[in-house]
Amino acid sequence: MEPRGEVNATVVVKQLVAPGVEQSYDEFLADVWVGVVLTLMVLSCVCCVCSCLLYHKFMQWKRRVLVNRARAARAMEAGDRDEESLPSYTLVSGLPSYDEALEQLRAVREQCKMAARAPEKKGGAPQQHQQHQQQPPPPTTTLRLSVAEFLRTYKTYPPL
């Protein structure tokens, strides 16, 4: 039982709105919900197919890595060199190897010693062009060079 002064809003809206408009609105909402549900189902199917494809590609990659590791292990046991190994840093960078760098350092030391002795013997200033022409042959024995010795040699080397 409703009090006489109050009016129910839904009763007023139902009286004002025609029955055909309310029915078309309900159909519209039903169509929207069907569209949303179908869209979500299609998206979930697409995601499922993509995840299956990714899993398949991952398994192919994993098999290939395992086969390559086994092949590399067999090659190492047989003493074969890896076909896909990286080239030496000396070939790529153009830098000398460790032994070649030591030989060059020894040659520079000898040149510095010869340049220091030349003014004493001749009594005059050393000539730069003669210094470059006379290079002693590199020694055949290899010696270890410490970092401290390298830095001392580097600091005493005259600039070019």
C-alpha atoms as a PDB file:
ATOM      1  CA  MET A   1       0.000   0.000   0.000  1.00  0.00           C
ATOM      2  CA  GLU A   2       1.391   3.209  -1.144  1.00  0.00           C
ATOM      3  CA  PRO A   3       0.803   6.461   0.536  1.00  0.00           C
ATOM      4  CA  ARG A   4      -1.217   8.885  -1.525  1.00  0.00           C
ATOM      5  CA  GLY A   5       1.400  11.659  -1.655  1.00  0.00           C
ATOM      6  CA  GLU A   6       4.243   9.555  -3.066  1.00  0.00           C
ATOM      7  CA  VAL A   7       4.385   8.454  -6.676  1.00  0.00           C
ATOM      8  CA  ASN A   8       6.479   5.490  -7.786  1.00  0.00           C
ATOM      9  CA  ALA A   9       8.937   6.549 -10.502  1.00  0.00           C
ATOM     10  CA  THR A  10       8.857   3.236 -12.382  1.00  0.00           C
ATOM     11  CA  VAL A  11       5.072   3.373 -12.608  1.00  0.00           C
ATOM     12  CA  VAL A  12       5.261   6.858 -14.085  1.00  0.00           C
ATOM     13  CA  VAL A  13       7.973   5.858 -16.597  1.00  0.00           C
ATOM     14  CA  LYS A  14       6.006   2.781 -17.686  1.00  0.00           C
ATOM     15  CA  GLN A  15       2.947   4.871 -18.223  1.00  0.00           C
ATOM     16  CA  LEU A  16       4.838   7.500 -20.238  1.00  0.00           C
ATOM     17  CA  VAL A  17       6.958   5.154 -22.362  1.00  0.00           C
ATOM     18  CA  ALA A  18       5.226   3.119 -25.008  1.00  0.00           C
ATOM     19  CA  PRO A  19       5.457  -0.670 -24.663  1.00  0.00           C
ATOM     20  CA  GLY A  20       7.213  -1.028 -28.078  1.00  0.00           C
ATOM     21  CA  VAL A  21      10.138   1.201 -27.072  1.00  0.00           C
ATOM     22  CA  GLU A  22      10.843  -0.815 -23.921  1.00  0.00           C
ATOM     23  CA  GLN A  23      10.790  -4.067 -25.850  1.00  0.00           C
ATOM     24  CA  SER A  24      13.254  -2.739 -28.497  1.00  0.00           C
ATOM     25  CA  TYR A  25      15.556  -1.555 -25.703  1.00  0.00           C
ATOM     26  CA  ASP A  26      15.552  -5.036 -24.130  1.00  0.00           C
ATOM     27  CA  GLU A  27      16.324  -6.584 -27.512  1.00  0.00           C
ATOM     28  CA  PHE A  28      19.170  -4.090 -28.003  1.00  0.00           C
ATOM     29  CA  LEU A  29      20.709  -5.021 -24.621  1.00  0.00           C
ATOM     30  CA  ALA A  30      20.383  -8.710 -25.409  1.00  0.00           C
ATOM     31  CA  ASP A  31      22.108  -8.180 -28.766  1.00  0.00           C
ATOM     32  CA  VAL A  32      24.916  -6.220 -27.098  1.00  0.00           C
ATOM     33  CA  TRP A  33      25.488  -8.999 -24.561  1.00  0.00           C
ATOM     34  CA  VAL A  34      25.488 -11.652 -27.284  1.00  0.00           C
ATOM     35  CA  GLY A  35      28.015  -9.579 -29.243  1.00  0.00           C
ATOM     36  CA  VAL A  36      30.247  -9.170 -26.200  1.00  0.00           C
ATOM     37  CA  VAL A  37      30.144 -12.887 -25.413  1.00  0.00           C
ATOM     38  CA  LEU A  38      30.860 -13.872 -29.024  1.00  0.00           C
ATOM     39  CA  THR A  39      33.723 -11.374 -29.243  1.00  0.00           C
ATOM     40  CA  LEU A  40      35.283 -12.764 -26.066  1.00  0.00           C
ATOM     41  CA  MET A  41      34.948 -16.306 -27.382  1.00  0.00           C
ATOM     42  CA  VAL A  42      36.658 -15.377 -30.669  1.00  0.00           C
ATOM     43  CA  LEU A  43      39.460 -13.574 -28.819  1.00  0.00           C
ATOM     44  CA  SER A  44      40.002 -16.539 -26.507  1.00  0.00           C
ATOM     45  CA  CYS A  45      40.210 -18.879 -29.534  1.00  0.00           C
ATOM     46  CA  VAL A  46      42.761 -16.598 -31.207  1.00  0.00           C
ATOM     47  CA  CYS A  47      44.805 -16.465 -28.000  1.00  0.00           C
ATOM     48  CA  CYS A  48      44.669 -20.244 -27.701  1.00  0.00           C
ATOM     49  CA  VAL A  49      45.896 -20.709 -31.274  1.00  0.00           C
ATOM     50  CA  CYS A  50      48.713 -18.185 -30.742  1.00  0.00           C
ATOM     51  CA  SER A  51      49.823 -19.845 -27.521  1.00  0.00           C
ATOM     52  CA  CYS A  52      49.857 -23.239 -29.248  1.00  0.00           C
ATOM     53  CA  LEU A  53      51.956 -21.802 -32.061  1.00  0.00           C
ATOM     54  CA  LEU A  54      54.400 -20.251 -29.598  1.00  0.00           C
ATOM     55  CA  TYR A  55      54.675 -23.519 -27.693  1.00  0.00           C
ATOM     56  CA  HIS A  56      55.343 -25.386 -30.932  1.00  0.00           C
ATOM     57  CA  LYS A  57      58.087 -22.908 -31.943  1.00  0.00           C
ATOM     58  CA  PHE A  58      59.628 -23.084 -28.473  1.00  0.00           C
ATOM     59  CA  MET A  59      59.767 -26.868 -28.638  1.00  0.00           C
ATOM     60  CA  GLN A  60      61.412 -26.707 -32.086  1.00  0.00           C
ATOM     61  CA  TRP A  61      64.004 -24.280 -30.740  1.00  0.00           C
ATOM     62  CA  LYS A  62      64.632 -26.452 -27.693  1.00  0.00           C
ATOM     63  CA  ARG A  63      65.144 -29.574 -29.834  1.00  0.00           C
ATOM     64  CA  ARG A  64      67.501 -27.692 -32.144  1.00  0.00           C
ATOM     65  CA  VAL A  65      69.572 -26.405 -29.211  1.00  0.00           C
ATOM     66  CA  LEU A  66      69.840 -29.882 -27.708  1.00  0.00           C
ATOM     67  CA  VAL A  67      70.904 -31.369 -31.031  1.00  0.00           C
ATOM     68  CA  ASN A  68      73.503 -28.628 -31.544  1.00  0.00           C
ATOM     69  CA  ARG A  69      74.896 -29.164 -28.049  1.00  0.00           C
ATOM     70  CA  ALA A  70      75.169 -32.887 -28.624  1.00  0.00           C
ATOM     71  CA  ARG A  71      76.845 -32.305 -31.991  1.00  0.00           C
ATOM     72  CA  ALA A  72      79.296 -29.833 -30.422  1.00  0.00           C
ATOM     73  CA  ALA A  73      80.113 -32.263 -27.619  1.00  0.00           C
ATOM     74  CA  ARG A  74      80.826 -35.027 -30.143  1.00  0.00           C
ATOM     75  CA  ALA A  75      82.992 -32.654 -32.169  1.00  0.00           C
ATOM     76  CA  MET A  76      84.948 -31.638 -29.081  1.00  0.00           C
ATOM     77  CA  GLU A  77      85.533 -35.279 -28.172  1.00  0.00           C
ATOM     78  CA  ALA A  78      86.689 -36.045 -31.697  1.00  0.00           C
ATOM     79  CA  GLY A  79      88.959 -32.995 -31.705  1.00  0.00           C
ATOM     80  CA  ASP A  80      87.197 -31.296 -34.570  1.00  0.00           C
ATOM     81  CA  ARG A  81      87.012 -27.554 -34.637  1.00  0.00           C
ATOM     82  CA  ASP A  82      83.618 -25.932 -34.400  1.00  0.00           C
ATOM     83  CA  GLU A  83      82.483 -24.665 -37.807  1.00  0.00           C
ATOM     84  CA  GLU A  84      80.585 -21.759 -36.323  1.00  0.00           C
ATOM     85  CA  SER A  85      83.246 -20.581 -33.880  1.00  0.00           C
ATOM     86  CA  LEU A  86      83.987 -16.885 -33.684  1.00  0.00           C
ATOM     87  CA  PRO A  87      87.082 -15.599 -35.496  1.00  0.00           C
ATOM     88  CA  SER A  88      90.109 -14.594 -33.538  1.00  0.00           C
ATOM     89  CA  TYR A  89      90.051 -11.092 -32.066  1.00  0.00           C
ATOM     90  CA  THR A  90      93.321 -10.324 -33.873  1.00  0.00           C
ATOM     91  CA  LEU A  91      91.660 -10.894 -37.251  1.00  0.00           C
ATOM     92  CA  VAL A  92      88.578  -8.864 -36.419  1.00  0.00           C
ATOM     93  CA  SER A  93      90.143  -5.926 -34.602  1.00  0.00           C
ATOM     94  CA  GLY A  94      93.482  -5.725 -36.380  1.00  0.00           C
ATOM     95  CA  LEU A  95      95.275  -5.696 -33.024  1.00  0.00           C
ATOM     96  CA  PRO A  96      98.440  -7.718 -32.528  1.00  0.00           C
ATOM     97  CA  SER A  97      98.416 -10.861 -30.458  1.00  0.00           C
ATOM     98  CA  TYR A  98      99.880 -10.839 -26.952  1.00  0.00           C
ATOM     99  CA  ASP A  99     103.250 -12.205 -28.107  1.00  0.00           C
ATOM    100  CA  GLU A 100     103.443  -9.744 -31.008  1.00  0.00           C
ATOM    101  CA  ALA A 101     102.616  -6.861 -28.665  1.00  0.00           C
ATOM    102  CA  LEU A 102     105.434  -7.955 -26.316  1.00  0.00           C
ATOM    103  CA  GLU A 103     107.854  -8.073 -29.243  1.00  0.00           C
ATOM    104  CA  GLN A 104     106.809  -4.578 -30.311  1.00  0.00           C
ATOM    105  CA  LEU A 105     107.258  -3.327 -26.747  1.00  0.00           C
ATOM    106  CA  ARG A 106     110.750  -4.828 -26.563  1.00  0.00           C
ATOM    107  CA  ALA A 107     111.632  -3.209 -29.886  1.00  0.00           C
ATOM    108  CA  VAL A 108     110.449   0.169 -28.579  1.00  0.00           C
ATOM    109  CA  ARG A 109     112.540  -0.313 -25.422  1.00  0.00           C
ATOM    110  CA  GLU A 110     115.611  -1.115 -27.470  1.00  0.00           C
ATOM    111  CA  GLN A 111     115.021   1.955 -29.609  1.00  0.00           C
ATOM    112  CA  CYS A 112     114.709   4.103 -26.493  1.00  0.00           C
ATOM    113  CA  LYS A 113     117.939   2.661 -25.082  1.00  0.00           C
ATOM    114  CA  MET A 114     119.705   3.189 -28.386  1.00  0.00           C
ATOM    115  CA  ALA A 115     118.417   6.759 -28.561  1.00  0.00           C
ATOM    116  CA  ALA A 116     119.666   7.413 -25.039  1.00  0.00           C
ATOM    117  CA  ARG A 117     123.126   5.961 -25.868  1.00  0.00           C
ATOM    118  CA  ALA A 118     123.440   7.727 -29.233  1.00  0.00           C
ATOM    119  CA  PRO A 119     123.939  11.276 -27.830  1.00  0.00           C
ATOM    120  CA  GLU A 120     126.575   9.956 -25.430  1.00  0.00           C
ATOM    121  CA  LYS A 121     128.569   8.283 -28.209  1.00  0.00           C
ATOM    122  CA  LYS A 122     128.239  10.952 -30.882  1.00  0.00           C
ATOM    123  CA  GLY A 123     128.130  13.918 -28.585  1.00  0.00           C
ATOM    124  CA  GLY A 124     125.183  15.477 -30.409  1.00  0.00           C
ATOM    125  CA  ALA A 125     121.424  15.147 -30.693  1.00  0.00           C
ATOM    126  CA  PRO A 126     120.069  11.783 -31.864  1.00  0.00           C
ATOM    127  CA  GLN A 127     118.819  11.635 -35.395  1.00  0.00           C
ATOM    128  CA  GLN A 128     115.244  10.431 -35.669  1.00  0.00           C
ATOM    129  CA  HIS A 129     115.465   8.957 -39.168  1.00  0.00           C
ATOM    130  CA  GLN A 130     118.444   6.740 -38.289  1.00  0.00           C
ATOM    131  CA  GLN A 131     116.667   5.518 -35.209  1.00  0.00           C
ATOM    132  CA  HIS A 132     113.738   4.206 -37.251  1.00  0.00           C
ATOM    133  CA  GLN A 133     115.986   2.496 -39.805  1.00  0.00           C
ATOM    134  CA  GLN A 134     117.905   0.473 -37.217  1.00  0.00           C
ATOM    135  CA  GLN A 135     115.622  -2.069 -35.626  1.00  0.00           C
ATOM    136  CA  PRO A 136     117.133  -4.905 -33.668  1.00  0.00           C
ATOM    137  CA  PRO A 137     115.824  -8.360 -34.458  1.00  0.00           C
ATOM    138  CA  PRO A 138     113.136  -9.505 -32.052  1.00  0.00           C
ATOM    139  CA  PRO A 139     114.376 -11.856 -29.344  1.00  0.00           C
ATOM    140  CA  THR A 140     113.362 -15.489 -29.652  1.00  0.00           C
ATOM    141  CA  THR A 141     112.585 -16.036 -25.980  1.00  0.00           C
ATOM    142  CA  THR A 142     109.313 -14.784 -24.579  1.00  0.00           C
ATOM    143  CA  LEU A 143     109.270 -13.086 -21.216  1.00  0.00           C
ATOM    144  CA  ARG A 144     106.321 -12.056 -19.088  1.00  0.00           C
ATOM    145  CA  LEU A 145     105.644  -8.364 -18.729  1.00  0.00           C
ATOM    146  CA  SER A 146     103.961  -7.043 -15.630  1.00  0.00           C
ATOM    147  CA  VAL A 147     101.533  -4.150 -15.712  1.00  0.00           C
ATOM    148  CA  ALA A 148     103.786  -2.007 -13.545  1.00  0.00           C
ATOM    149  CA  GLU A 149     106.749  -2.597 -15.870  1.00  0.00           C
ATOM    150  CA  PHE A 150     104.587  -1.767 -18.884  1.00  0.00           C
ATOM    151  CA  LEU A 151     103.466   1.516 -17.316  1.00  0.00           C
ATOM    152  CA  ARG A 152     107.052   2.467 -16.398  1.00  0.00           C
ATOM    153  CA  THR A 153     108.134   1.802 -19.979  1.00  0.00           C
ATOM    154  CA  TYR A 154     105.167   3.702 -21.364  1.00  0.00           C
ATOM    155  CA  LYS A 155     105.925   6.751 -19.186  1.00  0.00           C
ATOM    156  CA  THR A 156     109.604   6.850 -20.209  1.00  0.00           C
ATOM    157  CA  TYR A 157     108.902   6.407 -23.926  1.00  0.00           C
ATOM    158  CA  PRO A 158     109.426   9.718 -25.783  1.00  0.00           C
ATOM    159  CA  PRO A 159     106.444  11.004 -27.779  1.00  0.00           C
ATOM    160  CA  LEU A 160     106.654  10.714 -31.552  1.00  0.00           C
END
